Structures are given as structure tokens and as C-alpha cells.
């Protein structure tokens, strides 16, 4: 590979103009709040497209806690429908 001489070399920024690197300015931004994305529309667009919500285990823990109250040794043969009805009534 012709590292610096190759025209499509990823790390070669010698011929890049300021407008093509405009999206990198957010790295030097002193603000660290999400509102900084308003000043960097290219990064904001990528953030909205690829940022995923942080999952929380709290709802799942509540389901298992409620299920443990309903599904006991004496109720081990409940049908799915009856189990769901019992959980909803808790």
C-alpha cells in the first residue's frame, strides 16, 4: 500500500479543505452538553440516526417480581392467559 501517496488513504488530510472537515469541529467544542449538537448539524444528524436509547432493566425486574408473586408452587400449572390476567391484577 502506498500510504501517503494513495489518493484514498484514510488518514491523509493534506488535500482536505476546511469545509470537508467541518464536521470534526465538534471535537474541539468546550461544551459537553447535548445542546452542543445544535452548533454542529452534521454530527447532530449522525447522532439522531445512530444513537440508541439506553436500556433500563427496571421494567423487566418489575415483571419478574410480579410474576414471582403469582407463579408459586401451588399455581405452577397456570395457563399463559390466566397467568397474564393474574399478573395484570396485581
C-alpha atoms as a PDB file:
ATOM      1  CA  UNK A   1       0.000   0.000   0.000  1.00  0.00           C
ATOM      2  CA  UNK A   2       1.351   3.466  -0.860  1.00  0.00           C
ATOM      3  CA  UNK A   3       0.437   5.024   2.475  1.00  0.00           C
ATOM      4  CA  UNK A   4       0.797   8.790   1.973  1.00  0.00           C
ATOM      5  CA  UNK A   5       0.765   8.670  -1.830  1.00  0.00           C
ATOM      6  CA  UNK A   6      -2.545   6.859  -2.222  1.00  0.00           C
ATOM      7  CA  UNK A   7      -5.394   9.259  -3.034  1.00  0.00           C
ATOM      8  CA  UNK A   8      -7.912   7.304  -0.963  1.00  0.00           C
ATOM      9  CA  UNK A   9      -5.704   6.806   2.074  1.00  0.00           C
ATOM     10  CA  UNK A  10      -7.949   7.318   5.104  1.00  0.00           C
ATOM     11  CA  UNK A  11      -5.539   9.330   7.265  1.00  0.00           C
ATOM     12  CA  UNK A  12      -4.257  11.644   4.533  1.00  0.00           C
ATOM     13  CA  UNK A  13      -5.717  15.089   5.298  1.00  0.00           C
ATOM     14  CA  UNK A  14      -3.190  17.151   3.329  1.00  0.00           C
ATOM     15  CA  UNK A  15      -5.577  17.909   0.447  1.00  0.00           C
ATOM     16  CA  UNK A  16      -8.737  18.269   2.532  1.00  0.00           C
ATOM     17  CA  UNK A  17     -10.248  21.725   2.660  1.00  0.00           C
ATOM     18  CA  UNK A  18     -11.861  23.287   5.735  1.00  0.00           C
ATOM     19  CA  UNK A  19     -15.418  22.576   4.568  1.00  0.00           C
ATOM     20  CA  UNK A  20     -14.779  18.843   4.319  1.00  0.00           C
ATOM     21  CA  UNK A  21     -13.509  18.777   7.917  1.00  0.00           C
ATOM     22  CA  UNK A  22     -16.274  20.994   9.288  1.00  0.00           C
ATOM     23  CA  UNK A  23     -17.949  18.020  10.944  1.00  0.00           C
ATOM     24  CA  UNK A  24     -14.814  17.442  13.064  1.00  0.00           C
ATOM     25  CA  UNK A  25     -15.029  20.825  14.807  1.00  0.00           C
ATOM     26  CA  UNK A  26     -17.283  19.370  17.473  1.00  0.00           C
ATOM     27  CA  UNK A  27     -14.243  17.592  18.939  1.00  0.00           C
ATOM     28  CA  UNK A  28     -12.765  20.948  19.942  1.00  0.00           C
ATOM     29  CA  UNK A  29     -16.028  22.278  21.345  1.00  0.00           C
ATOM     30  CA  UNK A  30     -15.647  23.115  25.040  1.00  0.00           C
ATOM     31  CA  UNK A  31     -19.283  22.381  25.849  1.00  0.00           C
ATOM     32  CA  UNK A  32     -20.115  18.777  26.650  1.00  0.00           C
ATOM     33  CA  UNK A  33     -23.890  19.079  26.804  1.00  0.00           C
ATOM     34  CA  UNK A  34     -26.161  17.580  24.148  1.00  0.00           C
ATOM     35  CA  UNK A  35     -27.160  21.117  23.150  1.00  0.00           C
ATOM     36  CA  UNK A  36     -23.759  21.473  21.507  1.00  0.00           C
ATOM     37  CA  UNK A  37     -25.181  19.427  18.629  1.00  0.00           C
ATOM     38  CA  UNK A  38     -27.206  22.479  17.608  1.00  0.00           C
ATOM     39  CA  UNK A  39     -23.921  24.098  16.532  1.00  0.00           C
ATOM     40  CA  UNK A  40     -22.808  21.003  14.624  1.00  0.00           C
ATOM     41  CA  UNK A  41     -25.635  19.956  12.279  1.00  0.00           C
ATOM     42  CA  UNK A  42     -23.670  17.185  10.535  1.00  0.00           C
ATOM     43  CA  UNK A  43     -22.832  15.493  13.825  1.00  0.00           C
ATOM     44  CA  UNK A  44     -26.393  16.088  15.077  1.00  0.00           C
ATOM     45  CA  UNK A  45     -27.768  14.261  12.041  1.00  0.00           C
ATOM     46  CA  UNK A  46     -25.492  11.273  12.725  1.00  0.00           C
ATOM     47  CA  UNK A  47     -26.311  11.379  16.436  1.00  0.00           C
ATOM     48  CA  UNK A  48     -30.045  11.198  15.754  1.00  0.00           C
ATOM     49  CA  UNK A  49     -29.612   8.438  13.190  1.00  0.00           C
ATOM     50  CA  UNK A  50     -27.299   6.139  15.157  1.00  0.00           C
ATOM     51  CA  UNK A  51     -27.770   6.950  18.834  1.00  0.00           C
ATOM     52  CA  UNK A  52     -29.769   4.284  20.593  1.00  0.00           C
ATOM     53  CA  UNK A  53     -31.739   4.630  23.765  1.00  0.00           C
ATOM     54  CA  UNK A  54     -30.069   3.325  26.890  1.00  0.00           C
ATOM     55  CA  UNK A  55     -31.947   0.292  28.045  1.00  0.00           C
ATOM     56  CA  UNK A  56     -33.187   0.072  31.598  1.00  0.00           C
ATOM     57  CA  UNK A  57     -33.677  -3.161  33.464  1.00  0.00           C
ATOM     58  CA  UNK A  58     -36.249  -1.696  35.872  1.00  0.00           C
ATOM     59  CA  UNK A  59     -39.379  -2.698  33.881  1.00  0.00           C
ATOM     60  CA  UNK A  60     -38.060  -6.239  33.436  1.00  0.00           C
ATOM     61  CA  UNK A  61     -37.301  -6.515  37.144  1.00  0.00           C
ATOM     62  CA  UNK A  62     -40.858  -5.416  37.957  1.00  0.00           C
ATOM     63  CA  UNK A  63     -42.279  -8.080  35.638  1.00  0.00           C
ATOM     64  CA  UNK A  64     -40.248 -10.824  37.298  1.00  0.00           C
ATOM     65  CA  UNK A  65     -41.128  -9.573  40.784  1.00  0.00           C
ATOM     66  CA  UNK A  66     -44.830  -9.567  39.969  1.00  0.00           C
ATOM     67  CA  UNK A  67     -44.556 -12.931  38.239  1.00  0.00           C
ATOM     68  CA  UNK A  68     -42.905 -14.417  41.323  1.00  0.00           C
ATOM     69  CA  UNK A  69     -45.901 -13.341  43.407  1.00  0.00           C
ATOM     70  CA  UNK A  70     -48.335 -15.059  41.043  1.00  0.00           C
ATOM     71  CA  UNK A  71     -46.422 -18.174  39.959  1.00  0.00           C
ATOM     72  CA  UNK A  72     -45.983 -20.080  43.209  1.00  0.00           C
ATOM     73  CA  UNK A  73     -45.616 -23.798  43.989  1.00  0.00           C
ATOM     74  CA  UNK A  74     -49.383 -24.111  44.265  1.00  0.00           C
ATOM     75  CA  UNK A  75     -50.001 -22.252  40.990  1.00  0.00           C
ATOM     76  CA  UNK A  76     -47.373 -23.943  38.839  1.00  0.00           C
ATOM     77  CA  UNK A  77     -49.864 -25.134  36.176  1.00  0.00           C
ATOM     78  CA  UNK A  78     -51.435 -21.825  35.233  1.00  0.00           C
ATOM     79  CA  UNK A  79     -52.118 -21.310  31.555  1.00  0.00           C
ATOM     80  CA  UNK A  80     -50.452 -18.355  29.811  1.00  0.00           C
ATOM     81  CA  UNK A  81     -53.714 -16.437  29.612  1.00  0.00           C
ATOM     82  CA  UNK A  82     -54.598 -16.991  33.251  1.00  0.00           C
ATOM     83  CA  UNK A  83     -51.051 -16.101  34.349  1.00  0.00           C
ATOM     84  CA  UNK A  84     -51.151 -12.818  32.373  1.00  0.00           C
ATOM     85  CA  UNK A  85     -54.551 -11.981  33.833  1.00  0.00           C
ATOM     86  CA  UNK A  86     -53.305 -12.651  37.358  1.00  0.00           C
ATOM     87  CA  UNK A  87     -50.164 -10.546  36.824  1.00  0.00           C
ATOM     88  CA  UNK A  88     -52.189  -7.618  35.473  1.00  0.00           C
ATOM     89  CA  UNK A  89     -54.449  -7.688  38.523  1.00  0.00           C
ATOM     90  CA  UNK A  90     -51.509  -7.387  40.933  1.00  0.00           C
END
